[in-house]
Amino acid sequence: MKERIYDAIREALLRQGPEGQPRFAVERPRDMSHGDYSSNVALVNKLDPQEFAAKLKVEGVEKIEVAGKFINFYLSREALLPGEQVIAQPYAGKTVLVEYTSPNLFKPLHIGNLIGNILGESIARLLQKTGADVKRVNYPSDIGLTVAKGVWGLTQTKGDPNDIKALGEAYKVGNAAYEDGSGKEQIDAINTALYEHSNAEWSDLREQGIATSRRHLDELCARLGTKFDTEFFESESGPLGTDIVRAHIGKVFEESEGAVVYKGAHTRVFLNSRGLPTYEAKEVGLFDLKSKAYPDFDVSLTVTGGEQKDFFGVVFDAIGKIFPDKVAGKTLRHVANGFLRLTTGKMSSRLGNVITGESLLEDLQKDAQEKMADRVLADKEKTAQEIAVGAIKYSVLKSGSGRDILFDPEQSLSLEGDSGPYVQYALVRARSLLRAASDKGIAPSQSDAPEHASVLERVLVHYAETVEYAAVELEPHYLTTYLTELAAAFNSWYAQEKVLGGPHQHYGVFLAAAAERTLAEGLTLLGIPTPEEM
């Protein structure tokens, strides 16, 4: 319907013959009293709104009103009857690489990587829904200073490399020793030896620790609903990036005080004075690996913390000069995720004040089970896990990309508004109503539809355009906000209407089915589980 209104306005503008391309927007008003859609066409084109509105006729619109310089459109009863919503396909024919999670291995998954996973998975699903051929990419750090700190830490703590908690403790010890200087020389030596494979004992500790971290990563991703198409590792990209950078010294890079640097928006080191690749050089190698695996990709998205914006600005600039033919016609983009903050502030594994992805989910699941202690459910543990995942994912996705998240565990599990479980519970109520209707033999039908549309219907009509907008903007929070509004509209309708046994019971079941379908699909696009019971 939005496209129909847009096309009608555009055609009217073209008939009027203004200079240049038509400029205007068609949007959903914040206040329903201003219609189902509104346009600023009169404002931006300096037209008489009353005169221009009189020229507009749109199928499915029963009333057009002017409010100031804005033209408001009210849909007809027939247009508001829930039906199939066709989602536009702006990414049709596009191959999009979405790189996310990408943790430092050799320690438990940091909460920042969990946030990246949540945002990246939702973006991947939205892109798929709007036509893209999405390739999910994980790029774990399996070598480098972080791993060297962990290996050194294991030699000091005598910890078990097969125990993820022992790895976390070893990293904390190694990082502290590196920061205060007491272990810096030894850790640097370990780092070099791991790259050169010159010490069998250290290499063996590294391999065992990496395997342990990967097992835990796989388990967590399974709980979150993520499965990657491809994994690249820094142990692959590092040597490749080193060779590529060295081959472009004097053309793209230059030597400075024993290191190899790139001078872009600001100077960054790509090979350090020991000849080892930095993260920058590894990104060069990663781009080459991606290009070989997916030579025809159109867009490559990298979902990481917002503090890396400048880093990627310089790296992408350097990659464009190294691989001008491979980059031509392609988009390389960094998508920022924010930090999750508690009352104690930003959490950091560097300081040892770490909340891991696993521990956060386990705590939420435990709290969810306690809240459901008096309820009879077929599988209480599964439901608690679905609620916990929904709670953390919603909390992350309700904010715009790059914005920090103030996480309140108690609020995240609330069934009263602005939470994942609140939306999940609306879905569960809809499913319960549909089961009851089926038991009573009440079939969904439009035959007894009421004369006037409900708020629920006026919210439902905007689903498809919301999905498209969230995908184009790479901002899942638009869909998160919409689903919260839809859940509120359903709950209000459910409380006010006598559906089964009422005067419009067949249409009530029909409308409940539309709400259930939309809530389920929308939650799935966010990567949030859709429980059958709560």
Protein backbone atom coordinates (compact mmCIF):
# COMPACT_ATOMS: atom_id res chain seq x y z
CA MET A 1 0.00 0.00 0.00
CA LYS A 2 2.87 2.37 0.77
CA GLU A 3 4.25 1.84 -2.75
CA ARG A 4 0.79 2.41 -4.23
CA ILE A 5 0.49 5.77 -2.46
CA TYR A 6 4.05 6.71 -3.44
CA ASP A 7 3.41 5.89 -7.09
CA ALA A 8 0.19 7.92 -7.13
CA ILE A 9 1.96 10.97 -5.69
CA ARG A 10 4.88 10.58 -8.08
CA GLU A 11 2.61 10.36 -11.11
CA ALA A 12 0.72 13.43 -10.00
CA LEU A 13 3.97 15.33 -9.60
CA LEU A 14 5.21 14.30 -13.02
CA ARG A 15 1.95 15.40 -14.60
CA GLN A 16 2.39 18.75 -12.95
CA GLY A 17 5.84 18.96 -14.50
CA PRO A 18 8.19 20.16 -11.72
CA GLU A 19 11.86 20.50 -12.56
CA GLY A 20 14.18 17.65 -11.60
CA GLN A 21 13.33 14.36 -9.95
CA PRO A 22 10.35 14.26 -7.57
CA ARG A 23 11.36 14.69 -3.92
CA PHE A 24 9.10 13.48 -1.14
CA ALA A 25 8.57 10.72 1.39
CA VAL A 26 5.66 8.51 2.34
CA GLU A 27 5.82 7.40 5.94
CA ARG A 28 3.72 6.02 8.69
CA PRO A 29 2.60 8.80 11.06
CA ARG A 30 3.59 8.49 14.70
CA ASP A 31 0.01 9.23 15.70
CA MET A 32 -2.76 7.08 14.17
CA SER A 33 -5.10 10.05 14.29
CA HIS A 34 -3.04 11.41 11.37
CA GLY A 35 -3.90 8.45 9.18
CA ASP A 36 -2.21 5.26 8.14
CA TYR A 37 0.33 7.02 5.90
CA SER A 38 1.47 10.60 5.51
CA SER A 39 3.52 12.48 2.91
CA ASN A 40 5.59 15.66 2.97
CA VAL A 41 5.23 16.11 -0.80
CA ALA A 42 3.60 19.54 -0.52
CA LEU A 43 6.21 20.78 1.94
CA VAL A 44 9.35 19.79 0.04
CA ASN A 45 7.96 20.77 -3.38
CA LYS A 46 6.37 24.02 -2.18
CA LEU A 47 2.89 23.05 -3.35
CA ASP A 48 -0.54 24.00 -2.15
CA PRO A 49 -1.41 20.87 -0.11
CA GLN A 50 -5.19 21.20 -0.55
CA GLU A 51 -4.90 21.67 -4.29
CA PHE A 52 -2.44 18.79 -4.71
CA ALA A 53 -4.40 16.44 -2.43
CA ALA A 54 -7.49 16.99 -4.57
CA LYS A 55 -5.63 15.49 -7.52
CA LEU A 56 -4.82 12.24 -5.73
CA LYS A 57 -6.84 9.06 -6.02
CA VAL A 58 -5.41 5.85 -4.61
CA GLU A 59 -7.09 2.46 -4.65
CA GLY A 60 -7.53 1.26 -1.08
CA VAL A 61 -7.50 4.78 0.40
CA GLU A 62 -10.91 5.96 1.57
CA LYS A 63 -9.97 9.39 2.84
CA ILE A 64 -7.23 11.95 2.18
CA GLU A 65 -6.84 14.87 4.56
CA VAL A 66 -4.48 17.82 4.83
CA ALA A 67 -2.82 18.77 8.11
CA GLY A 68 -0.67 21.84 7.68
CA LYS A 69 1.78 21.04 4.88
CA PHE A 70 1.30 17.28 5.22
CA ILE A 71 -1.13 15.05 3.34
CA ASN A 72 -2.55 12.13 5.35
CA PHE A 73 -4.01 8.94 3.92
CA TYR A 74 -6.60 6.74 5.66
CA LEU A 75 -6.96 3.20 4.33
CA SER A 76 -10.32 1.67 3.50
CA ARG A 77 -11.83 -1.13 5.56
CA GLU A 78 -11.04 -3.60 2.77
CA ALA A 79 -7.39 -2.51 2.60
CA LEU A 80 -7.01 -3.11 6.34
CA LEU A 81 -8.26 -6.69 6.23
CA PRO A 82 -5.18 -8.82 7.01
CA GLY A 83 -3.84 -10.61 3.96
CA GLU A 84 -0.57 -11.82 2.56
CA GLN A 85 2.11 -9.18 2.95
CA VAL A 86 4.63 -9.27 0.13
CA ILE A 87 8.02 -8.08 1.30
CA ALA A 88 10.02 -6.13 -1.28
CA GLN A 89 13.28 -7.68 -2.50
CA PRO A 90 15.80 -4.81 -2.72
CA TYR A 91 18.72 -7.26 -2.38
CA ALA A 92 17.56 -9.68 -5.07
CA GLY A 93 20.54 -10.95 -7.07
CA LYS A 94 23.04 -9.67 -4.47
CA THR A 95 25.55 -11.84 -2.63
CA VAL A 96 26.24 -10.36 0.80
CA LEU A 97 28.95 -11.56 3.18
CA VAL A 98 28.08 -10.89 6.81
CA GLU A 99 31.06 -11.34 9.12
CA TYR A 100 30.22 -11.38 12.82
CA THR A 101 31.02 -12.89 16.23
CA SER A 102 34.72 -13.36 15.34
CA PRO A 103 36.02 -13.85 18.89
CA ASN A 104 39.50 -14.06 20.29
CA LEU A 105 39.88 -17.76 20.97
CA PHE A 106 41.80 -19.19 23.89
CA LYS A 107 39.39 -17.68 26.41
CA PRO A 108 35.64 -17.73 27.08
CA LEU A 109 33.45 -15.81 24.66
CA HIS A 110 33.35 -12.19 25.74
CA ILE A 111 30.02 -10.44 26.01
CA GLY A 112 31.05 -8.09 23.17
CA ASN A 113 31.27 -11.06 20.81
CA LEU A 114 27.83 -12.20 21.97
CA ILE A 115 26.41 -8.77 21.08
CA GLY A 116 28.10 -8.92 17.67
CA ASN A 117 26.60 -12.36 17.11
CA ILE A 118 23.10 -11.14 17.98
CA LEU A 119 23.27 -8.09 15.71
CA GLY A 120 25.02 -9.91 12.85
CA GLU A 121 22.61 -12.85 12.83
CA SER A 122 19.58 -10.57 12.73
CA ILE A 123 21.05 -8.51 9.89
CA ALA A 124 21.80 -11.72 7.98
CA ARG A 125 18.19 -12.90 8.37
CA LEU A 126 16.75 -9.55 7.31
CA LEU A 127 18.95 -9.50 4.22
CA GLN A 128 17.89 -13.03 3.30
CA LYS A 129 14.23 -12.10 3.72
CA THR A 130 14.69 -9.20 1.30
CA GLY A 131 16.35 -11.23 -1.44
CA ALA A 132 20.07 -11.46 -0.63
CA ASP A 133 22.16 -14.59 -0.99
CA VAL A 134 23.77 -14.30 2.44
CA LYS A 135 27.03 -15.97 3.42
CA ARG A 136 27.65 -15.97 7.16
CA VAL A 137 31.34 -15.60 7.96
CA ASN A 138 33.14 -16.13 11.26
CA TYR A 139 36.70 -14.89 11.66
CA PRO A 140 38.10 -16.08 15.00
CA SER A 141 41.49 -14.93 16.24
CA ASP A 142 43.45 -18.15 16.79
CA ILE A 143 46.96 -16.69 16.88
CA GLY A 144 48.60 -13.48 18.02
CA LEU A 145 49.29 -11.66 21.26
CA THR A 146 46.01 -12.68 22.92
CA VAL A 147 46.78 -16.35 22.38
CA ALA A 148 50.40 -15.87 23.46
CA LYS A 149 49.21 -14.33 26.74
CA GLY A 150 46.99 -17.34 27.32
CA VAL A 151 49.73 -19.85 26.53
CA TRP A 152 52.14 -18.06 28.89
CA GLY A 153 49.40 -17.97 31.53
CA LEU A 154 48.93 -21.73 31.26
CA THR A 155 52.64 -22.30 31.84
CA GLN A 156 52.33 -20.29 35.07
CA THR A 157 49.00 -21.58 36.39
CA LYS A 158 49.50 -25.16 35.17
CA GLY A 159 45.90 -24.98 34.04
CA ASP A 160 44.15 -27.57 31.87
CA PRO A 161 43.92 -26.34 28.23
CA ASN A 162 40.78 -28.47 27.86
CA ASP A 163 38.96 -26.43 30.54
CA ILE A 164 37.44 -23.16 29.27
CA LYS A 165 37.51 -21.62 32.74
CA ALA A 166 41.21 -22.45 33.08
CA LEU A 167 41.80 -20.69 29.77
CA GLY A 168 40.02 -17.60 31.04
CA GLU A 169 42.14 -17.54 34.19
CA ALA A 170 45.34 -18.12 32.18
CA TYR A 171 44.55 -15.21 29.90
CA LYS A 172 43.86 -12.93 32.87
CA VAL A 173 47.21 -13.84 34.43
CA GLY A 174 49.06 -13.43 31.12
CA ASN A 175 47.46 -10.08 30.34
CA ALA A 176 48.29 -8.71 33.79
CA ALA A 177 51.93 -9.81 33.43
CA TYR A 178 52.15 -8.25 29.98
CA GLU A 179 50.66 -4.97 31.17
CA ASP A 180 52.95 -4.61 34.19
CA GLY A 181 55.97 -5.72 32.16
CA SER A 182 56.87 -8.75 34.26
CA GLY A 183 56.01 -11.21 31.48
CA LYS A 184 56.20 -9.01 28.39
CA GLU A 185 59.50 -10.29 27.03
CA GLN A 186 58.53 -13.95 27.48
CA ILE A 187 55.08 -13.44 26.00
CA ASP A 188 56.51 -11.64 22.96
CA ALA A 189 58.89 -14.57 22.50
CA ILE A 190 55.99 -17.03 22.71
CA ASN A 191 54.05 -14.98 20.18
CA THR A 192 56.93 -15.15 17.68
CA ALA A 193 57.44 -18.86 18.32
CA LEU A 194 53.77 -19.62 17.71
CA TYR A 195 53.91 -17.89 14.33
CA GLU A 196 57.12 -19.74 13.46
CA HIS A 197 56.01 -23.13 14.92
CA SER A 198 59.42 -23.27 16.60
CA ASN A 199 58.37 -24.57 20.03
CA ALA A 200 56.40 -27.82 20.10
CA GLU A 201 55.21 -27.43 23.73
CA TRP A 202 53.79 -23.98 23.20
CA SER A 203 52.25 -24.94 19.88
CA ASP A 204 50.57 -27.95 21.51
CA LEU A 205 49.11 -25.79 24.29
CA ARG A 206 47.83 -23.37 21.66
CA GLU A 207 46.15 -26.13 19.63
CA GLN A 208 44.46 -27.65 22.68
CA GLY A 209 43.22 -24.27 23.91
CA ILE A 210 41.92 -23.29 20.49
CA ALA A 211 40.01 -26.57 20.20
CA THR A 212 38.44 -26.00 23.63
CA SER A 213 37.38 -22.45 22.76
CA ARG A 214 35.89 -23.57 19.46
CA ARG A 215 33.78 -26.26 21.14
CA HIS A 216 32.31 -23.69 23.51
CA LEU A 217 31.77 -21.25 20.66
CA ASP A 218 29.90 -23.89 18.65
CA GLU A 219 27.69 -24.74 21.63
CA LEU A 220 26.82 -21.11 22.25
CA CYS A 221 26.11 -20.40 18.58
CA ALA A 222 23.78 -23.42 18.49
CA ARG A 223 21.82 -21.96 21.41
CA LEU A 224 21.66 -18.60 19.64
CA GLY A 225 20.52 -20.10 16.34
CA THR A 226 23.64 -19.24 14.34
CA LYS A 227 25.38 -21.51 11.85
CA PHE A 228 28.23 -20.11 9.79
CA ASP A 229 28.80 -20.88 6.13
CA THR A 230 32.53 -20.21 6.27
CA GLU A 231 35.21 -19.75 8.90
CA PHE A 232 38.51 -18.04 8.25
CA PHE A 233 41.25 -17.90 10.86
CA GLU A 234 44.00 -15.42 11.62
CA SER A 235 46.50 -18.25 11.32
CA GLU A 236 45.48 -18.28 7.64
CA SER A 237 45.09 -14.57 7.03
CA GLY A 238 48.24 -13.54 8.88
CA PRO A 239 50.87 -15.18 6.62
CA LEU A 240 48.86 -14.30 3.51
CA GLY A 241 48.48 -10.67 4.60
CA THR A 242 52.19 -10.47 5.43
CA ASP A 243 53.17 -11.57 1.93
CA ILE A 244 50.69 -9.18 0.28
CA VAL A 245 51.83 -6.20 2.35
CA ARG A 246 55.51 -6.92 1.68
CA ALA A 247 54.79 -7.17 -2.05
CA HIS A 248 53.29 -3.66 -1.98
CA ILE A 249 56.03 -1.85 -0.06
CA GLY A 250 56.89 1.27 -1.99
CA LYS A 251 53.56 1.21 -3.83
CA VAL A 252 50.94 1.20 -1.09
CA PHE A 253 52.99 0.85 2.08
CA GLU A 254 56.25 2.29 3.33
CA GLU A 255 58.84 1.31 5.90
CA SER A 256 59.19 3.33 9.06
CA GLU A 257 61.53 2.54 11.98
CA GLY A 258 61.64 -1.14 11.08
CA ALA A 259 57.86 -1.45 10.68
CA VAL A 260 55.68 -1.33 7.56
CA VAL A 261 52.99 1.33 7.68
CA TYR A 262 50.13 2.74 5.63
CA LYS A 263 49.48 6.46 5.63
CA GLY A 264 45.79 7.05 5.06
CA ALA A 265 43.39 9.14 7.12
CA HIS A 266 45.89 8.33 9.84
CA THR A 267 49.00 6.16 9.90
CA ARG A 268 48.62 2.53 10.89
CA VAL A 269 51.19 -0.23 11.29
CA PHE A 270 50.59 -3.33 9.14
CA LEU A 271 53.82 -5.22 9.98
CA ASN A 272 55.49 -4.52 13.30
CA SER A 273 59.21 -4.17 13.90
CA ARG A 274 59.47 -7.90 14.57
CA GLY A 275 58.06 -8.56 11.09
CA LEU A 276 54.79 -9.95 12.46
CA PRO A 277 51.41 -9.01 10.97
CA THR A 278 49.16 -6.69 12.93
CA TYR A 279 45.36 -6.90 12.78
CA GLU A 280 45.55 -4.54 9.82
CA ALA A 281 47.67 -6.91 7.74
CA LYS A 282 45.47 -9.82 8.74
CA GLU A 283 42.45 -7.92 7.36
CA VAL A 284 44.29 -7.67 4.04
CA GLY A 285 44.77 -11.43 4.04
CA LEU A 286 41.16 -11.96 5.08
CA PHE A 287 39.90 -9.89 2.15
CA ASP A 288 41.94 -12.06 -0.20
CA LEU A 289 40.52 -15.23 1.38
CA LYS A 290 36.96 -13.89 1.09
CA SER A 291 37.51 -12.88 -2.53
CA LYS A 292 38.78 -16.34 -3.44
CA ALA A 293 35.91 -18.09 -1.63
CA TYR A 294 33.23 -15.73 -2.98
CA PRO A 295 34.69 -13.93 -6.04
CA ASP A 296 31.32 -12.53 -7.11
CA PHE A 297 30.19 -11.05 -3.79
CA ASP A 298 28.56 -7.61 -3.92
CA VAL A 299 28.68 -6.46 -0.31
CA SER A 300 30.89 -7.42 2.63
CA LEU A 301 29.68 -6.36 6.08
CA THR A 302 31.87 -6.57 9.17
CA VAL A 303 29.98 -6.39 12.47
CA THR A 304 32.28 -5.32 15.32
CA GLY A 305 32.51 -2.70 18.04
CA GLY A 306 31.98 0.93 17.18
CA GLU A 307 35.46 1.82 18.43
CA GLN A 308 36.88 0.12 15.32
CA LYS A 309 35.30 2.59 12.88
CA ASP A 310 38.57 4.43 12.19
CA PHE A 311 40.49 1.16 11.98
CA PHE A 312 38.27 -0.14 9.20
CA GLY A 313 38.23 3.20 7.43
CA VAL A 314 41.99 2.99 6.92
CA VAL A 315 42.05 -0.77 6.26
CA PHE A 316 39.34 -0.61 3.59
CA ASP A 317 41.17 2.31 1.98
CA ALA A 318 44.39 0.28 1.83
CA ILE A 319 42.58 -2.80 0.50
CA GLY A 320 41.10 -0.69 -2.29
CA LYS A 321 44.58 0.33 -3.40
CA ILE A 322 46.00 -3.20 -3.15
CA PHE A 323 43.11 -4.87 -4.96
CA PRO A 324 41.56 -2.18 -7.20
CA ASP A 325 40.06 -4.74 -9.59
CA LYS A 326 38.63 -6.96 -6.84
CA VAL A 327 37.12 -4.03 -4.95
CA ALA A 328 35.63 -2.29 -8.00
CA GLY A 329 31.83 -2.36 -7.83
CA LYS A 330 31.79 -3.89 -4.35
CA THR A 331 30.85 -2.40 -1.00
CA LEU A 332 32.98 -2.93 2.10
CA ARG A 333 31.21 -1.68 5.21
CA HIS A 334 31.73 -1.74 8.94
CA VAL A 335 28.55 -2.13 11.02
CA ALA A 336 29.05 -1.04 14.61
CA ASN A 337 27.67 -2.83 17.64
CA GLY A 338 27.61 -1.12 21.03
CA PHE A 339 28.87 -2.19 24.42
CA LEU A 340 26.66 -3.83 26.99
CA ARG A 341 26.84 -1.93 30.25
CA LEU A 342 25.72 -2.72 33.77
CA THR A 343 25.75 -0.35 36.74
CA THR A 344 29.48 -1.18 37.10
CA GLY A 345 30.17 0.20 33.57
CA LYS A 346 31.79 -1.38 30.54
CA MET A 347 32.87 -4.99 31.08
CA SER A 348 36.38 -5.90 29.98
CA SER A 349 38.18 -9.25 29.88
CA ARG A 350 41.44 -7.28 29.88
CA LEU A 351 40.71 -6.22 33.44
CA GLY A 352 39.43 -9.61 34.51
CA ASN A 353 35.96 -8.15 35.18
CA VAL A 354 34.44 -10.46 32.62
CA ILE A 355 30.91 -11.61 32.11
CA THR A 356 31.03 -14.29 29.45
CA GLY A 357 28.33 -15.00 26.91
CA GLU A 358 27.75 -18.39 28.47
CA SER A 359 27.46 -17.10 32.02
CA LEU A 360 25.03 -14.34 31.05
CA LEU A 361 22.70 -16.78 29.30
CA GLU A 362 22.98 -19.32 32.11
CA ASP A 363 22.08 -16.69 34.73
CA LEU A 364 19.10 -15.49 32.68
CA GLN A 365 17.91 -19.05 32.11
CA LYS A 366 18.13 -19.79 35.83
CA ASP A 367 16.15 -16.64 36.65
CA ALA A 368 13.54 -17.53 34.01
CA GLN A 369 13.11 -21.00 35.50
CA GLU A 370 12.61 -19.52 38.95
CA LYS A 371 9.91 -17.18 37.61
CA MET A 372 8.10 -20.18 36.09
CA ALA A 373 8.41 -22.39 39.17
CA ASP A 374 4.65 -22.53 39.76
CA ARG A 375 3.70 -23.15 36.13
CA VAL A 376 3.02 -26.52 34.53
CA LEU A 377 4.94 -26.70 31.24
CA ALA A 378 5.82 -29.63 29.01
CA ASP A 379 9.53 -28.69 28.88
CA LYS A 380 10.35 -26.02 31.43
CA GLU A 381 14.09 -26.09 30.72
CA LYS A 382 13.63 -25.55 26.97
CA THR A 383 11.14 -22.75 27.57
CA ALA A 384 13.49 -21.06 30.05
CA GLN A 385 16.31 -21.18 27.51
CA GLU A 386 14.06 -19.68 24.82
CA ILE A 387 13.03 -16.90 27.18
CA ALA A 388 16.65 -16.21 28.20
CA VAL A 389 17.78 -15.99 24.58
CA GLY A 390 14.81 -13.77 23.76
CA ALA A 391 15.58 -11.51 26.72
CA ILE A 392 19.20 -10.81 25.80
CA LYS A 393 18.58 -10.59 22.06
CA TYR A 394 15.72 -8.12 22.44
CA SER A 395 17.79 -5.99 24.84
CA VAL A 396 20.58 -5.78 22.26
CA LEU A 397 18.39 -5.28 19.19
CA LYS A 398 16.03 -2.64 20.55
CA SER A 399 18.87 -0.10 20.36
CA GLY A 400 20.26 1.26 17.12
CA SER A 401 23.55 -0.13 15.79
CA GLY A 402 26.54 1.24 17.64
CA ARG A 403 24.57 2.43 20.66
CA ASP A 404 25.53 1.12 24.06
CA ILE A 405 23.09 -1.18 25.82
CA LEU A 406 22.14 -0.62 29.44
CA PHE A 407 21.23 -4.14 30.47
CA ASP A 408 18.90 -4.79 33.39
CA PRO A 409 18.52 -8.58 33.86
CA GLU A 410 15.28 -8.20 35.83
CA GLN A 411 13.67 -5.90 33.25
CA SER A 412 14.87 -8.07 30.38
CA LEU A 413 12.73 -10.97 31.69
CA SER A 414 9.64 -8.89 32.41
CA LEU A 415 6.30 -9.77 30.82
CA GLU A 416 5.19 -6.15 31.08
CA GLY A 417 6.25 -4.21 27.97
CA ASP A 418 9.64 -3.39 26.38
CA SER A 419 11.18 -6.85 26.62
CA GLY A 420 11.68 -9.97 24.55
CA PRO A 421 9.51 -12.14 26.80
CA TYR A 422 6.68 -9.59 26.48
CA VAL A 423 6.62 -10.07 22.71
CA GLN A 424 7.09 -13.83 23.06
CA TYR A 425 4.17 -13.99 25.48
CA ALA A 426 1.88 -12.19 23.04
CA LEU A 427 2.76 -14.89 20.50
CA VAL A 428 2.05 -17.63 23.05
CA ARG A 429 -1.35 -16.08 23.83
CA ALA A 430 -2.22 -15.93 20.14
CA ARG A 431 -1.27 -19.58 19.72
CA SER A 432 -3.30 -20.55 22.77
CA LEU A 433 -6.34 -18.74 21.35
CA LEU A 434 -5.93 -20.50 18.00
CA ARG A 435 -5.70 -23.90 19.70
CA ALA A 436 -8.86 -23.18 21.69
CA ALA A 437 -10.67 -22.08 18.53
CA SER A 438 -9.59 -25.26 16.76
CA ASP A 439 -10.85 -27.38 19.67
CA LYS A 440 -14.23 -25.65 19.43
CA GLY A 441 -14.36 -25.99 15.65
CA ILE A 442 -14.33 -22.22 15.04
CA ALA A 443 -12.70 -21.65 11.66
CA PRO A 444 -11.00 -18.38 10.67
CA SER A 445 -13.07 -16.33 8.25
CA GLN A 446 -13.76 -12.75 7.16
CA SER A 447 -17.48 -13.48 6.95
CA ASP A 448 -18.37 -11.75 10.24
CA ALA A 449 -15.81 -8.94 10.16
CA PRO A 450 -16.83 -5.87 12.18
CA GLU A 451 -17.64 -2.64 10.39
CA HIS A 452 -14.67 -0.73 11.72
CA ALA A 453 -11.00 -1.75 11.80
CA SER A 454 -9.20 -2.20 15.09
CA VAL A 455 -5.85 -0.72 16.12
CA LEU A 456 -4.42 -4.22 15.72
CA GLU A 457 -5.35 -4.25 12.03
CA ARG A 458 -3.88 -0.79 11.52
CA VAL A 459 -0.59 -1.98 13.01
CA LEU A 460 -0.50 -5.26 11.09
CA VAL A 461 -0.67 -3.51 7.73
CA HIS A 462 2.81 -1.99 8.24
CA TYR A 463 4.77 -5.21 8.75
CA ALA A 464 6.21 -5.73 5.26
CA GLU A 465 7.47 -2.18 4.86
CA THR A 466 9.06 -2.32 8.32
CA VAL A 467 11.03 -5.44 7.39
CA GLU A 468 12.20 -3.82 4.17
CA TYR A 469 13.25 -0.63 5.91
CA ALA A 470 15.12 -2.50 8.67
CA ALA A 471 16.99 -4.52 6.02
CA VAL A 472 17.90 -1.55 3.83
CA GLU A 473 19.08 0.48 6.82
CA LEU A 474 20.80 -2.56 8.42
CA GLU A 475 18.94 -1.60 11.61
CA PRO A 476 17.01 -4.46 13.26
CA HIS A 477 15.77 -2.08 15.96
CA TYR A 478 13.06 -0.84 13.59
CA LEU A 479 11.55 -4.33 13.50
CA THR A 480 12.07 -4.77 17.25
CA THR A 481 10.12 -1.59 17.94
CA TYR A 482 7.37 -2.61 15.51
CA LEU A 483 6.93 -6.05 17.11
CA THR A 484 6.65 -4.47 20.54
CA GLU A 485 3.87 -2.23 19.24
CA LEU A 486 2.18 -5.19 17.57
CA ALA A 487 2.36 -7.22 20.78
CA ALA A 488 0.77 -4.31 22.70
CA ALA A 489 -1.98 -3.94 20.08
CA PHE A 490 -2.71 -7.68 20.19
CA ASN A 491 -2.78 -7.78 23.99
CA SER A 492 -5.14 -4.80 24.12
CA TRP A 493 -7.42 -6.30 21.47
CA TYR A 494 -7.33 -9.68 23.23
CA ALA A 495 -8.34 -8.06 26.54
CA GLN A 496 -11.18 -6.01 25.04
CA GLU A 497 -12.71 -8.45 22.57
CA LYS A 498 -14.69 -11.55 23.35
CA VAL A 499 -13.29 -13.65 20.52
CA LEU A 500 -14.66 -17.15 21.08
CA GLY A 501 -18.43 -16.98 21.42
CA GLY A 502 -18.53 -13.30 20.53
CA PRO A 503 -20.33 -11.63 17.61
CA HIS A 504 -17.22 -11.70 15.40
CA GLN A 505 -15.62 -14.95 16.48
CA HIS A 506 -14.67 -16.22 13.02
CA TYR A 507 -13.04 -12.93 12.12
CA GLY A 508 -11.46 -12.81 15.58
CA VAL A 509 -9.76 -16.14 14.88
CA PHE A 510 -8.77 -14.88 11.44
CA LEU A 511 -7.20 -11.76 12.97
CA ALA A 512 -5.47 -13.75 15.72
CA ALA A 513 -3.95 -16.01 13.07
CA ALA A 514 -2.60 -12.97 11.21
CA ALA A 515 -1.09 -11.61 14.43
CA GLU A 516 0.40 -15.00 15.30
CA ARG A 517 1.92 -15.37 11.85
CA THR A 518 3.42 -11.88 11.91
CA LEU A 519 4.79 -12.13 15.44
CA ALA A 520 6.35 -15.52 14.72
CA GLU A 521 7.98 -14.42 11.48
CA GLY A 522 9.17 -11.12 12.91
CA LEU A 523 10.73 -12.75 15.97
CA THR A 524 12.42 -15.32 13.75
CA LEU A 525 13.93 -12.53 11.64
CA LEU A 526 15.43 -11.12 14.84
CA GLY A 527 16.75 -14.54 15.79
CA ILE A 528 14.48 -14.63 18.84
CA PRO A 529 12.93 -18.04 19.67
CA THR A 530 9.17 -18.50 19.31
CA PRO A 531 8.02 -20.65 22.26
CA GLU A 532 4.81 -22.64 22.27
CA GLU A 533 4.22 -22.08 25.97
CA MET A 534 5.39 -19.79 28.75
